[in-house]
């Protein structure tokens, strides 16, 4: 648990049992609900001994692992001095870059429809406009900003002395080919000496991949539709006749070829996983390191090979939080070891702070209802952590959860037992919404 001094300065984290003891004796008060932190009432920073902790970060595309560790030098019995690393607090930050990407695509579709219908619309921007140095798309900028924001918050609740981050550059060409490349092989890609259409003609023998028809006009079709997240990668393209192309539409390949399992298996054997996640990590790794450097804490970068070696030596499963625990050098031949793995993970999910849209559209993009301009209704904002005291009815009792506000004051409360309506007079604010949702889950550290 996070511990703060009487003046609000961060102290060394403590065990949950110790935190309960301090709260029961009245020596501490709750400073924050999520992540849970207590503030001592009888000890200042000058009266405390602080060794400092290390914050280790394992960046990812959909999630980022963070782990606070305590690393000390200890003399082994009859041997050299070894490094002993203990995991104190683990957290998994879940990004919403995919949600931002889908919302921007939806907004572009709305604008495209208004232009085609000759409705009032914003003038189309030129495609060759310039961007400032270091610009990133909103879905990628979000990954950098939320990681830096979470690291800054952890530095506010724990005495972080060093930040260790895994900096990995994925070789996209090797990943697309599926084998190691050397020298001139990097200049001989899948489409070397040909183009996409001719490559697909040779691959599918100038026949429709869905029905096998030959001698007809063939179109290029996406196996996984772009509306469902499919990419323009060659492995996601096939040749299809006009009838099959129109019949498939935006349906999944599994649904369209459910009647022909053999042909479905053949098509899926040519597909490859998209490289979108690897590209996102490559695009944000340098900016993430530079952004963490302005926090005033020394930042050290390490390779993914060292993280993998530490994880295999400790026989740990591959998760973001365990990878974060293994970031940084450990000499296992000399006896360096990880002696403690946090068994509970703080799950931090980025939820955003609402929408800028003035109306709520239907599924066709037409405005369905108007949204209120104010976010604060009867003293509460959507996402606030509250305690509800229900005097009667089915939900009689005391409940804690996140609230979704309504203008009339009959708010909706989401708890672990369900969701129900509650009047604003029966709510007590515990913590303001900060754009994140907090939960916890168990860690499975050992390889089975």
Protein backbone atom coordinates (compact mmCIF):
# COMPACT_ATOMS: atom_id res chain seq x y z
CA UNK A 1 0.00 0.00 0.00
CA UNK A 2 1.11 3.57 -0.66
CA UNK A 3 2.02 5.63 2.40
CA UNK A 4 2.30 9.41 2.60
CA UNK A 5 3.92 11.51 5.31
CA UNK A 6 2.04 14.06 7.38
CA UNK A 7 2.85 16.72 4.80
CA UNK A 8 1.83 14.56 1.81
CA UNK A 9 5.34 13.44 0.79
CA UNK A 10 5.72 9.82 -0.38
CA UNK A 11 7.18 7.23 1.98
CA UNK A 12 8.12 3.58 1.47
CA UNK A 13 5.09 1.36 0.67
CA UNK A 14 3.88 -0.97 3.41
CA UNK A 15 2.05 -4.29 3.66
CA UNK A 16 -1.79 -4.12 3.61
CA UNK A 17 -1.92 -5.60 7.12
CA UNK A 18 0.30 -2.79 8.38
CA UNK A 19 -1.94 -0.23 6.69
CA UNK A 20 -5.03 -1.71 8.38
CA UNK A 21 -3.26 -1.56 11.73
CA UNK A 22 -2.34 2.11 11.30
CA UNK A 23 -5.90 2.98 10.30
CA UNK A 24 -7.38 1.05 13.22
CA UNK A 25 -5.13 2.82 15.73
CA UNK A 26 -5.98 6.23 14.29
CA UNK A 27 -2.39 6.92 13.27
CA UNK A 28 -3.34 7.26 9.61
CA UNK A 29 -6.23 8.39 7.45
CA UNK A 30 -7.27 7.39 3.93
CA UNK A 31 -5.71 9.79 1.43
CA UNK A 32 -6.97 8.15 -1.76
CA UNK A 33 -9.33 5.30 -2.52
CA UNK A 34 -7.95 4.10 -5.88
CA UNK A 35 -5.12 3.38 -5.95
CA UNK A 36 -5.41 3.05 -2.18
CA UNK A 37 -3.09 5.32 -0.20
CA UNK A 38 -2.93 6.33 3.46
CA UNK A 39 -1.48 9.45 5.07
CA UNK A 40 0.23 9.26 8.47
CA UNK A 41 -0.88 11.72 11.11
CA UNK A 42 2.12 11.49 13.44
CA UNK A 43 5.19 11.25 11.18
CA UNK A 44 6.78 13.79 8.89
CA UNK A 45 9.25 13.25 6.07
CA UNK A 46 12.18 14.34 8.25
CA UNK A 47 11.36 11.64 10.83
CA UNK A 48 11.27 8.84 8.22
CA UNK A 49 13.97 6.73 6.63
CA UNK A 50 13.52 6.36 2.87
CA UNK A 51 15.62 4.00 0.78
CA UNK A 52 13.86 4.76 -2.50
CA UNK A 53 12.27 2.37 -4.99
CA UNK A 54 12.66 1.67 -8.69
CA UNK A 55 9.82 1.96 -11.18
CA UNK A 56 10.07 -0.54 -14.04
CA UNK A 57 7.98 -0.10 -17.20
CA UNK A 58 7.16 -2.59 -19.94
CA UNK A 59 5.44 -0.58 -22.74
CA UNK A 60 2.91 -2.23 -25.01
CA UNK A 61 0.35 -1.40 -27.63
CA UNK A 62 -2.84 -2.33 -25.80
CA UNK A 63 -1.43 -2.38 -22.27
CA UNK A 64 1.61 -1.27 -20.30
CA UNK A 65 3.03 -3.04 -17.26
CA UNK A 66 4.45 -1.12 -14.30
CA UNK A 67 6.15 -2.49 -11.21
CA UNK A 68 7.65 -0.80 -8.16
CA UNK A 69 10.63 -2.75 -6.87
CA UNK A 70 13.06 -2.63 -3.98
CA UNK A 71 16.58 -3.69 -5.01
CA UNK A 72 19.32 -4.27 -2.47
CA UNK A 73 22.81 -5.71 -2.27
CA UNK A 74 23.15 -8.61 0.12
CA UNK A 75 26.14 -10.74 1.02
CA UNK A 76 25.54 -14.39 0.15
CA UNK A 77 26.64 -17.03 2.65
CA UNK A 78 30.25 -17.80 1.84
CA UNK A 79 30.03 -16.06 -1.54
CA UNK A 80 30.02 -12.70 -3.32
CA UNK A 81 27.53 -9.88 -2.87
CA UNK A 82 24.35 -10.47 -4.87
CA UNK A 83 21.44 -8.29 -5.97
CA UNK A 84 18.06 -9.14 -4.46
CA UNK A 85 14.99 -7.64 -6.14
CA UNK A 86 11.58 -7.55 -4.48
CA UNK A 87 8.38 -6.61 -6.26
CA UNK A 88 6.30 -4.22 -4.16
CA UNK A 89 3.40 -2.98 -6.30
CA UNK A 90 2.34 -4.11 -9.78
CA UNK A 91 -0.04 -2.24 -12.08
CA UNK A 92 -1.37 -2.87 -15.57
CA UNK A 93 -2.37 0.20 -17.58
CA UNK A 94 -4.93 -0.61 -20.27
CA UNK A 95 -4.91 1.85 -23.18
CA UNK A 96 -7.88 2.87 -25.31
CA UNK A 97 -6.00 3.64 -28.52
CA UNK A 98 -8.20 1.24 -30.50
CA UNK A 99 -11.31 3.00 -29.22
CA UNK A 100 -9.90 6.39 -30.23
CA UNK A 101 -9.08 5.02 -33.69
CA UNK A 102 -12.62 3.68 -34.14
CA UNK A 103 -14.18 6.96 -32.99
CA UNK A 104 -12.07 8.95 -35.46
CA UNK A 105 -13.06 6.59 -38.27
CA UNK A 106 -16.71 6.99 -37.29
CA UNK A 107 -16.37 10.77 -37.26
CA UNK A 108 -14.74 10.69 -40.69
CA UNK A 109 -17.66 8.60 -41.96
CA UNK A 110 -20.17 11.12 -40.63
CA UNK A 111 -18.35 13.97 -42.37
CA UNK A 112 -18.03 12.01 -45.60
CA UNK A 113 -21.76 11.34 -45.61
CA UNK A 114 -22.59 15.02 -45.06
CA UNK A 115 -20.32 16.03 -47.93
CA UNK A 116 -21.91 13.49 -50.28
CA UNK A 117 -25.45 14.63 -49.28
CA UNK A 118 -24.56 18.31 -49.85
CA UNK A 119 -25.32 19.12 -46.20
CA UNK A 120 -23.51 21.71 -44.14
CA UNK A 121 -20.01 20.39 -43.40
CA UNK A 122 -16.50 21.44 -42.51
CA UNK A 123 -14.31 22.07 -45.53
CA UNK A 124 -12.11 19.13 -46.41
CA UNK A 125 -8.48 19.58 -45.36
CA UNK A 126 -5.62 19.03 -47.77
CA UNK A 127 -3.86 15.66 -47.66
CA UNK A 128 -0.35 17.18 -47.98
CA UNK A 129 -0.46 19.37 -44.89
CA UNK A 130 2.65 19.41 -42.71
CA UNK A 131 2.89 18.34 -39.07
CA UNK A 132 5.08 19.66 -36.32
CA UNK A 133 8.10 17.67 -35.28
CA UNK A 134 7.23 14.80 -32.98
CA UNK A 135 3.56 14.69 -34.05
CA UNK A 136 1.73 11.42 -33.43
CA UNK A 137 -1.81 10.36 -34.35
CA UNK A 138 -4.26 10.72 -31.43
CA UNK A 139 -4.44 6.94 -30.87
CA UNK A 140 -0.64 6.79 -30.47
CA UNK A 141 -0.30 10.08 -28.58
CA UNK A 142 -2.80 8.67 -26.07
CA UNK A 143 -0.45 5.74 -25.28
CA UNK A 144 2.40 8.11 -24.49
CA UNK A 145 0.31 10.57 -22.48
CA UNK A 146 -1.47 7.98 -20.33
CA UNK A 147 1.78 6.16 -19.53
CA UNK A 148 3.51 9.39 -18.51
CA UNK A 149 0.47 10.42 -16.47
CA UNK A 150 0.41 7.11 -14.60
CA UNK A 151 4.16 7.23 -13.96
CA UNK A 152 3.82 10.77 -12.64
CA UNK A 153 1.03 9.64 -10.31
CA UNK A 154 3.12 6.72 -9.00
CA UNK A 155 6.02 9.11 -8.36
CA UNK A 156 3.62 11.19 -6.29
CA UNK A 157 2.68 8.23 -4.06
CA UNK A 158 6.01 6.37 -3.87
CA UNK A 159 9.64 7.58 -3.46
CA UNK A 160 10.76 6.64 -6.98
CA UNK A 161 14.52 7.08 -7.34
CA UNK A 162 14.99 5.48 -10.78
CA UNK A 163 12.88 4.59 -13.80
CA UNK A 164 13.82 1.54 -15.86
CA UNK A 165 12.03 1.12 -19.17
CA UNK A 166 12.20 -1.59 -21.81
CA UNK A 167 13.00 -0.02 -25.18
CA UNK A 168 12.32 -2.47 -28.01
CA UNK A 169 12.45 -1.88 -31.78
CA UNK A 170 10.62 -4.57 -33.75
CA UNK A 171 12.04 -5.60 -37.14
CA UNK A 172 8.88 -5.30 -39.23
CA UNK A 173 10.41 -6.92 -42.32
CA UNK A 174 11.56 -10.00 -40.42
CA UNK A 175 8.16 -10.29 -38.74
CA UNK A 176 6.35 -10.09 -42.09
CA UNK A 177 8.56 -12.75 -43.71
CA UNK A 178 8.71 -15.00 -40.66
CA UNK A 179 12.41 -15.84 -40.85
CA UNK A 180 15.77 -14.13 -40.16
CA UNK A 181 17.06 -11.91 -42.97
CA UNK A 182 20.62 -10.91 -43.79
CA UNK A 183 22.17 -8.33 -46.09
CA UNK A 184 20.50 -7.98 -49.47
CA UNK A 185 17.52 -10.08 -48.34
CA UNK A 186 16.10 -6.93 -46.76
CA UNK A 187 15.75 -5.51 -50.32
CA UNK A 188 13.89 -8.57 -51.62
CA UNK A 189 10.44 -8.42 -50.06
CA UNK A 190 7.31 -10.36 -50.87
CA UNK A 191 6.46 -8.09 -53.81
CA UNK A 192 9.98 -7.75 -55.22
CA UNK A 193 9.72 -7.52 -59.02
CA UNK A 194 5.91 -7.55 -59.09
CA UNK A 195 2.85 -5.73 -57.76
CA UNK A 196 -0.04 -6.66 -55.51
CA UNK A 197 -2.50 -7.66 -58.22
CA UNK A 198 -0.05 -9.81 -60.14
CA UNK A 199 1.14 -11.47 -56.93
CA UNK A 200 -2.45 -12.38 -56.01
CA UNK A 201 -3.11 -13.72 -59.51
CA UNK A 202 -0.18 -16.12 -59.20
CA UNK A 203 -1.04 -17.07 -55.62
CA UNK A 204 -4.68 -17.94 -56.37
CA UNK A 205 -4.09 -19.24 -59.93
CA UNK A 206 -6.33 -16.51 -61.40
CA UNK A 207 -9.43 -17.99 -59.78
CA UNK A 208 -11.85 -16.78 -57.13
CA UNK A 209 -10.58 -17.76 -53.69
CA UNK A 210 -14.13 -18.23 -52.37
CA UNK A 211 -15.76 -20.35 -55.11
CA UNK A 212 -12.90 -21.34 -57.45
CA UNK A 213 -14.45 -19.76 -60.56
CA UNK A 214 -11.96 -18.96 -63.37
CA UNK A 215 -12.19 -16.84 -66.48
CA UNK A 216 -14.28 -14.06 -64.91
CA UNK A 217 -13.51 -10.53 -63.71
CA UNK A 218 -11.81 -10.68 -60.30
CA UNK A 219 -11.74 -8.06 -57.56
CA UNK A 220 -9.35 -7.66 -54.65
CA UNK A 221 -11.16 -8.41 -51.37
CA UNK A 222 -10.10 -8.15 -47.72
CA UNK A 223 -10.29 -11.45 -45.83
CA UNK A 224 -10.91 -9.58 -42.60
CA UNK A 225 -12.96 -6.49 -43.57
CA UNK A 226 -11.45 -3.12 -42.86
CA UNK A 227 -14.64 -2.20 -41.00
CA UNK A 228 -13.73 -4.95 -38.50
CA UNK A 229 -10.10 -3.87 -38.12
CA UNK A 230 -8.58 -5.63 -41.12
CA UNK A 231 -5.42 -4.19 -42.65
CA UNK A 232 -4.25 -3.66 -46.25
CA UNK A 233 -1.46 -6.18 -45.75
CA UNK A 234 -0.99 -8.57 -48.70
CA UNK A 235 -1.69 -11.58 -46.50
CA UNK A 236 -5.15 -10.11 -45.80
CA UNK A 237 -6.03 -9.84 -49.53
CA UNK A 238 -7.53 -12.41 -51.91
CA UNK A 239 -9.07 -12.45 -55.39
CA UNK A 240 -12.87 -12.75 -55.50
CA UNK A 241 -15.40 -12.71 -58.27
CA UNK A 242 -18.02 -9.95 -58.28
CA UNK A 243 -20.75 -12.23 -56.92
CA UNK A 244 -18.70 -13.53 -53.99
CA UNK A 245 -17.33 -10.07 -53.24
CA UNK A 246 -20.82 -8.59 -52.97
CA UNK A 247 -22.23 -11.60 -51.09
CA UNK A 248 -19.46 -11.51 -48.47
CA UNK A 249 -19.69 -7.75 -47.91
CA UNK A 250 -18.48 -6.88 -44.43
CA UNK A 251 -19.11 -10.34 -42.96
CA UNK A 252 -16.32 -12.34 -41.39
CA UNK A 253 -14.66 -15.08 -43.43
CA UNK A 254 -15.70 -17.68 -40.84
CA UNK A 255 -19.36 -16.76 -41.29
CA UNK A 256 -19.21 -16.51 -45.06
CA UNK A 257 -17.47 -19.88 -45.60
CA UNK A 258 -19.10 -21.78 -42.74
CA UNK A 259 -20.49 -24.25 -45.30
CA UNK A 260 -17.03 -24.99 -46.79
CA UNK A 261 -14.53 -25.75 -43.97
CA UNK A 262 -11.81 -26.99 -46.34
CA UNK A 263 -11.73 -23.78 -48.36
CA UNK A 264 -11.91 -21.73 -45.17
CA UNK A 265 -8.87 -23.53 -43.74
CA UNK A 266 -6.94 -22.98 -46.99
CA UNK A 267 -7.61 -19.24 -47.01
CA UNK A 268 -6.80 -18.84 -43.32
CA UNK A 269 -3.49 -20.65 -43.83
CA UNK A 270 -2.31 -17.71 -45.99
CA UNK A 271 -3.26 -15.05 -43.44
CA UNK A 272 -0.81 -13.52 -40.99
CA UNK A 273 -1.26 -11.51 -37.83
CA UNK A 274 -1.38 -7.75 -38.45
CA UNK A 275 1.68 -5.70 -37.53
CA UNK A 276 -0.33 -2.81 -36.10
CA UNK A 277 0.73 -3.41 -32.49
CA UNK A 278 4.42 -3.70 -33.35
CA UNK A 279 4.22 -0.52 -35.43
CA UNK A 280 2.58 1.33 -32.53
CA UNK A 281 5.41 0.34 -30.15
CA UNK A 282 8.05 1.37 -32.69
CA UNK A 283 6.41 4.76 -33.25
CA UNK A 284 6.06 5.64 -29.56
CA UNK A 285 9.13 4.14 -27.86
CA UNK A 286 11.47 7.12 -28.32
CA UNK A 287 8.87 9.74 -27.44
CA UNK A 288 7.88 7.78 -24.36
CA UNK A 289 11.48 7.68 -23.15
CA UNK A 290 11.94 11.40 -23.84
CA UNK A 291 8.68 12.29 -22.07
CA UNK A 292 9.66 10.31 -18.96
CA UNK A 293 12.98 12.14 -18.89
CA UNK A 294 11.31 15.45 -17.98
CA UNK A 295 9.93 14.09 -14.68
CA UNK A 296 13.22 14.76 -12.89
CA UNK A 297 13.99 11.08 -12.22
CA UNK A 298 16.90 9.24 -13.90
CA UNK A 299 15.63 7.07 -16.77
CA UNK A 300 17.47 3.92 -17.91
CA UNK A 301 16.57 1.94 -21.04
CA UNK A 302 17.10 -1.80 -21.43
CA UNK A 303 16.63 -4.34 -24.19
CA UNK A 304 13.86 -6.88 -24.49
CA UNK A 305 16.41 -9.71 -24.68
CA UNK A 306 17.52 -9.02 -21.11
CA UNK A 307 13.91 -8.95 -19.91
CA UNK A 308 13.23 -12.30 -21.57
CA UNK A 309 16.39 -13.80 -20.06
CA UNK A 310 15.41 -12.69 -16.55
CA UNK A 311 11.87 -14.01 -16.99
CA UNK A 312 13.07 -17.42 -18.20
CA UNK A 313 15.68 -17.68 -15.44
CA UNK A 314 13.01 -17.00 -12.80
CA UNK A 315 10.51 -19.31 -14.59
CA UNK A 316 7.81 -16.66 -14.76
CA UNK A 317 4.90 -16.49 -17.18
CA UNK A 318 4.78 -13.77 -19.81
CA UNK A 319 2.57 -10.89 -18.72
CA UNK A 320 3.05 -7.14 -18.87
CA UNK A 321 3.47 -6.86 -15.10
CA UNK A 322 5.95 -9.74 -14.83
CA UNK A 323 7.91 -8.37 -17.78
CA UNK A 324 8.05 -5.03 -15.98
CA UNK A 325 9.38 -6.80 -12.87
CA UNK A 326 12.14 -8.37 -15.00
CA UNK A 327 13.25 -5.14 -16.73
CA UNK A 328 16.84 -4.26 -15.89
CA UNK A 329 20.08 -6.23 -15.47
CA UNK A 330 20.37 -9.28 -13.22
CA UNK A 331 23.46 -11.48 -13.19
CA UNK A 332 22.00 -14.90 -12.47
CA UNK A 333 25.39 -16.61 -12.69
CA UNK A 334 26.54 -14.52 -9.74
CA UNK A 335 23.37 -15.31 -7.78
CA UNK A 336 21.15 -12.27 -8.49
CA UNK A 337 17.53 -13.23 -7.92
CA UNK A 338 13.94 -11.97 -7.74
CA UNK A 339 12.63 -13.04 -4.34
CA UNK A 340 9.13 -11.54 -4.31
CA UNK A 341 6.40 -11.26 -6.94
CA UNK A 342 3.26 -9.19 -6.19
CA UNK A 343 0.28 -11.55 -6.34
CA UNK A 344 -2.26 -8.75 -6.81
CA UNK A 345 -2.28 -6.42 -9.80
CA UNK A 346 -3.82 -2.96 -9.86
CA UNK A 347 -5.70 -2.72 -13.17
CA UNK A 348 -5.87 0.88 -14.42
CA UNK A 349 -8.12 1.29 -17.45
CA UNK A 350 -8.15 4.53 -19.43
CA UNK A 351 -11.78 5.61 -19.86
CA UNK A 352 -11.46 9.23 -20.95
CA UNK A 353 -13.27 12.26 -19.60
CA UNK A 354 -16.36 12.31 -21.77
CA UNK A 355 -17.12 13.39 -25.33
CA UNK A 356 -16.88 16.70 -27.15
CA UNK A 357 -19.89 15.82 -29.34
CA UNK A 358 -22.91 18.11 -28.92
CA UNK A 359 -25.39 15.44 -30.02
CA UNK A 360 -25.80 11.69 -29.74
CA UNK A 361 -26.13 10.14 -33.21
CA UNK A 362 -27.98 7.03 -34.23
CA UNK A 363 -26.31 4.17 -36.11
CA UNK A 364 -26.72 6.04 -39.39
CA UNK A 365 -24.99 9.19 -38.13
CA UNK A 366 -28.12 11.35 -37.76
CA UNK A 367 -28.49 13.34 -34.52
CA UNK A 368 -30.83 11.52 -32.14
CA UNK A 369 -30.75 13.72 -29.02
CA UNK A 370 -28.88 16.72 -27.68
CA UNK A 371 -26.32 16.34 -24.92
CA UNK A 372 -26.19 18.73 -21.97
CA UNK A 373 -23.35 21.24 -21.97
CA UNK A 374 -22.54 20.84 -18.26
CA UNK A 375 -20.81 17.73 -16.86
CA UNK A 376 -21.58 18.44 -13.20
CA UNK A 377 -25.11 17.49 -12.15
CA UNK A 378 -26.21 17.82 -8.53
CA UNK A 379 -22.58 17.75 -7.39
CA UNK A 380 -21.47 14.63 -9.29
CA UNK A 381 -19.69 13.85 -12.57
CA UNK A 382 -19.86 10.62 -14.54
CA UNK A 383 -17.10 8.33 -13.27
CA UNK A 384 -17.02 9.60 -9.68
CA UNK A 385 -16.37 6.98 -7.01
CA UNK A 386 -19.27 7.28 -4.56
CA UNK A 387 -20.88 5.53 -1.62
CA UNK A 388 -24.64 5.06 -1.82
CA UNK A 389 -26.79 4.61 1.29
CA UNK A 390 -30.10 3.09 0.17
CA UNK A 391 -32.73 3.40 2.94
CA UNK A 392 -35.22 0.91 1.47
CA UNK A 393 -36.13 -1.22 -1.51
CA UNK A 394 -34.41 -4.10 -3.25
CA UNK A 395 -30.97 -2.47 -3.00
CA UNK A 396 -31.27 -1.50 0.66
CA UNK A 397 -27.85 -1.10 2.28
CA UNK A 398 -24.53 0.61 1.61
CA UNK A 399 -22.92 0.31 -1.83
CA UNK A 400 -19.71 1.62 -3.38
CA UNK A 401 -19.17 2.09 -7.10
CA UNK A 402 -18.94 4.42 -10.09
CA UNK A 403 -21.79 6.77 -10.91
CA UNK A 404 -23.25 7.80 -14.26
CA UNK A 405 -25.03 11.12 -13.84
CA UNK A 406 -28.35 12.33 -15.24
CA UNK A 407 -29.72 15.84 -15.41
CA UNK A 408 -32.79 15.06 -13.30
CA UNK A 409 -30.69 13.80 -10.37
CA UNK A 410 -31.67 10.12 -10.58
CA UNK A 411 -28.16 8.81 -11.19
CA UNK A 412 -27.09 5.29 -12.18
CA UNK A 413 -24.66 3.46 -9.90
CA UNK A 414 -22.53 0.53 -11.10
CA UNK A 415 -21.32 -1.85 -8.39
CA UNK A 416 -19.91 -5.37 -8.29
CA UNK A 417 -23.42 -6.72 -7.60
CA UNK A 418 -25.16 -4.91 -10.44
CA UNK A 419 -26.41 -1.57 -11.66
CA UNK A 420 -29.30 0.41 -10.21
CA UNK A 421 -30.70 3.95 -9.96
CA UNK A 422 -30.11 6.07 -6.89
CA UNK A 423 -31.15 9.61 -5.97
CA UNK A 424 -28.33 12.12 -5.67
CA UNK A 425 -29.27 12.86 -2.04
CA UNK A 426 -28.29 9.30 -1.09
CA UNK A 427 -24.77 9.57 -2.56
CA UNK A 428 -21.51 10.53 -0.82
CA UNK A 429 -18.45 11.44 -2.89
CA UNK A 430 -15.32 9.36 -2.21
CA UNK A 431 -13.09 10.33 -5.14
CA UNK A 432 -13.47 12.48 -8.21
CA UNK A 433 -13.27 10.91 -11.66
CA UNK A 434 -9.80 11.26 -13.16
CA UNK A 435 -10.30 9.55 -16.53
CA UNK A 436 -9.37 6.06 -15.28
CA UNK A 437 -11.22 3.06 -13.88
CA UNK A 438 -9.54 1.01 -11.16
CA UNK A 439 -9.83 -2.70 -10.38
CA UNK A 440 -7.61 -5.56 -9.24
CA UNK A 441 -6.87 -9.12 -10.29
CA UNK A 442 -4.65 -12.01 -9.27
CA UNK A 443 -1.26 -12.73 -10.81
CA UNK A 444 -0.15 -16.23 -11.86
CA UNK A 445 3.62 -15.89 -11.63
CA UNK A 446 4.95 -19.42 -12.04
CA UNK A 447 5.11 -21.49 -15.19
CA UNK A 448 2.80 -24.49 -14.86
